[in-house]
Amino acid sequence: MVMKSKIAKSKSKRVSLKKKDKVIRKVKEHNRKKAKEAKKLRLSGKNKVKKDPGIPNNWPFKEQELKALEARRTKAIEELEQKKAERKERARRRKLGLLEEEYDSKLLEDSNKNTNDFGNAAKTRGNRISF
């Protein structure tokens, strides 16, 4: 007579192709739905750029305000142009290999400054602690 073992066999981890395909299909549908909703939110979420109402004609200091506004605009444009020029210059230097030298010299200056600050701080602490 054959003895049955008391140890239960573990259940197989095999998944039928039907189940496997169903899971894949559901995941695809879910991802498609999420993408569609995100697209809707992105399109509807974009607010139209509100038109600047400007300065009313009956404003007491309209000319001064317009001049100040124009000055701010020109200043902002100049700053953008200056940043653009600096970027171009930095790119040109990087091509020539000059940027690394400047960076190294800057690091050296900063480190010297920090050591000087540390030395000054140590001296002032020493003066405070001494009786």
Protein backbone atom coordinates (compact mmCIF):
# COMPACT_ATOMS: atom_id res chain seq x y z
CA MET A 1 0.00 0.00 0.00
CA VAL A 2 1.23 3.46 -0.93
CA MET A 3 1.47 6.01 1.83
CA LYS A 4 0.10 9.44 1.08
CA SER A 5 2.41 12.18 2.21
CA LYS A 6 1.05 14.69 4.67
CA ILE A 7 2.79 17.56 2.93
CA ALA A 8 0.41 19.38 0.59
CA LYS A 9 1.75 20.20 -2.83
CA SER A 10 2.03 23.90 -3.66
CA LYS A 11 -0.41 25.18 -6.20
CA SER A 12 0.91 25.74 -9.70
CA LYS A 13 1.68 29.31 -10.67
CA ARG A 14 0.71 28.73 -14.26
CA VAL A 15 -1.65 31.32 -15.73
CA SER A 16 -3.79 30.47 -18.69
CA LEU A 17 -3.26 32.51 -21.83
CA LYS A 18 -6.86 33.66 -21.67
CA LYS A 19 -6.27 35.29 -18.27
CA LYS A 20 -2.91 36.68 -19.30
CA ASP A 21 -4.34 38.31 -22.44
CA LYS A 22 -7.31 39.66 -20.51
CA VAL A 23 -5.00 41.37 -18.00
CA ILE A 24 -2.90 42.88 -20.78
CA ARG A 25 -6.03 44.16 -22.53
CA LYS A 26 -7.39 45.72 -19.33
CA VAL A 27 -4.08 47.46 -18.63
CA LYS A 28 -4.04 48.88 -22.18
CA GLU A 29 -7.60 50.16 -21.80
CA HIS A 30 -6.78 51.74 -18.45
CA ASN A 31 -3.69 53.49 -19.80
CA ARG A 32 -5.61 54.71 -22.84
CA LYS A 33 -8.33 56.16 -20.59
CA LYS A 34 -5.78 57.92 -18.40
CA ALA A 35 -4.03 59.42 -21.42
CA LYS A 36 -7.32 60.60 -22.88
CA GLU A 37 -8.35 62.31 -19.63
CA ALA A 38 -4.93 63.91 -19.25
CA LYS A 39 -5.23 65.25 -22.78
CA LYS A 40 -8.68 66.68 -22.03
CA LEU A 41 -7.40 68.36 -18.87
CA ARG A 42 -4.38 69.75 -20.67
CA LEU A 43 -6.49 71.24 -23.45
CA SER A 44 -9.24 72.59 -21.23
CA GLY A 45 -6.78 73.69 -18.53
CA LYS A 46 -5.05 76.12 -20.84
CA ASN A 47 -6.50 79.51 -20.13
CA LYS A 48 -6.52 82.01 -22.89
CA VAL A 49 -4.03 84.80 -22.40
CA LYS A 50 -5.99 87.64 -20.92
CA LYS A 51 -5.70 90.84 -22.85
CA ASP A 52 -4.17 93.72 -20.93
CA PRO A 53 -6.92 96.31 -20.49
CA GLY A 54 -4.36 99.10 -20.58
CA ILE A 55 -4.70 102.43 -18.82
CA PRO A 56 -8.02 104.26 -18.94
CA ASN A 57 -8.11 107.65 -20.65
CA ASN A 58 -9.46 109.40 -17.57
CA TRP A 59 -6.48 108.21 -15.48
CA PRO A 60 -4.88 111.31 -13.89
CA PHE A 61 -1.22 110.47 -14.65
CA LYS A 62 -1.65 108.36 -17.77
CA GLU A 63 1.37 109.73 -19.65
CA GLN A 64 3.71 109.13 -16.71
CA GLU A 65 2.38 105.63 -16.24
CA LEU A 66 2.81 104.83 -19.95
CA LYS A 67 6.40 106.10 -19.87
CA ALA A 68 7.18 104.01 -16.79
CA LEU A 69 5.63 100.95 -18.42
CA GLU A 70 7.67 101.45 -21.58
CA ALA A 71 10.84 101.91 -19.52
CA ARG A 72 10.18 98.63 -17.68
CA ARG A 73 9.61 96.84 -21.00
CA THR A 74 12.81 98.16 -22.54
CA LYS A 75 14.77 97.27 -19.39
CA ALA A 76 13.41 93.71 -19.46
CA ILE A 77 14.26 93.37 -23.16
CA GLU A 78 17.78 94.68 -22.57
CA GLU A 79 18.31 92.20 -19.72
CA LEU A 80 17.19 89.33 -21.94
CA GLU A 81 19.54 90.45 -24.72
CA GLN A 82 22.39 90.78 -22.24
CA LYS A 83 21.80 87.27 -20.88
CA LYS A 84 21.67 85.92 -24.43
CA ALA A 85 24.97 87.62 -25.26
CA GLU A 86 26.57 86.23 -22.10
CA ARG A 87 25.39 82.73 -23.00
CA LYS A 88 26.86 83.07 -26.48
CA GLU A 89 30.13 84.33 -25.05
CA ARG A 90 30.28 81.47 -22.56
CA ALA A 91 29.61 78.97 -25.35
CA ARG A 92 32.36 80.53 -27.46
CA ARG A 93 34.80 80.34 -24.55
CA ARG A 94 33.81 76.77 -23.84
CA LYS A 95 34.65 75.90 -27.43
CA LEU A 96 38.05 77.51 -27.04
CA GLY A 97 38.63 75.87 -23.65
CA LEU A 98 38.95 79.12 -21.72
CA LEU A 99 36.01 78.59 -19.41
CA GLU A 100 37.71 75.89 -17.36
CA GLU A 101 40.65 78.18 -16.59
CA GLU A 102 38.36 80.96 -15.39
CA TYR A 103 36.36 78.49 -13.31
CA ASP A 104 39.53 77.15 -11.70
CA SER A 105 40.78 80.64 -10.89
CA LYS A 106 37.36 81.54 -9.42
CA LEU A 107 37.43 78.43 -7.23
CA LEU A 108 40.90 79.34 -6.05
CA GLU A 109 39.77 82.87 -5.12
CA ASP A 110 36.73 81.53 -3.25
CA SER A 111 38.81 79.02 -1.34
CA ASN A 112 41.32 81.72 -0.35
CA LYS A 113 38.49 83.95 0.79
CA ASN A 114 36.95 81.15 2.84
CA THR A 115 40.25 80.31 4.53
CA ASN A 116 40.75 83.99 5.37
CA ASP A 117 37.27 84.15 6.83
CA PHE A 118 37.97 81.00 8.84
CA GLY A 119 41.22 82.45 10.15
CA ASN A 120 39.50 85.70 11.16
CA ALA A 121 36.72 83.78 12.89
CA ALA A 122 39.24 81.68 14.82
CA LYS A 123 41.07 84.84 15.96
CA THR A 124 37.88 86.50 17.17
CA ARG A 125 36.81 83.35 19.00
CA GLY A 126 40.22 83.10 20.62
CA ASN A 127 39.88 86.68 21.85
CA ARG A 128 36.45 86.00 23.33
CA ILE A 129 37.41 82.79 25.11
CA SER A 130 40.63 84.03 26.68
CA PHE A 131 40.24 85.40 30.20
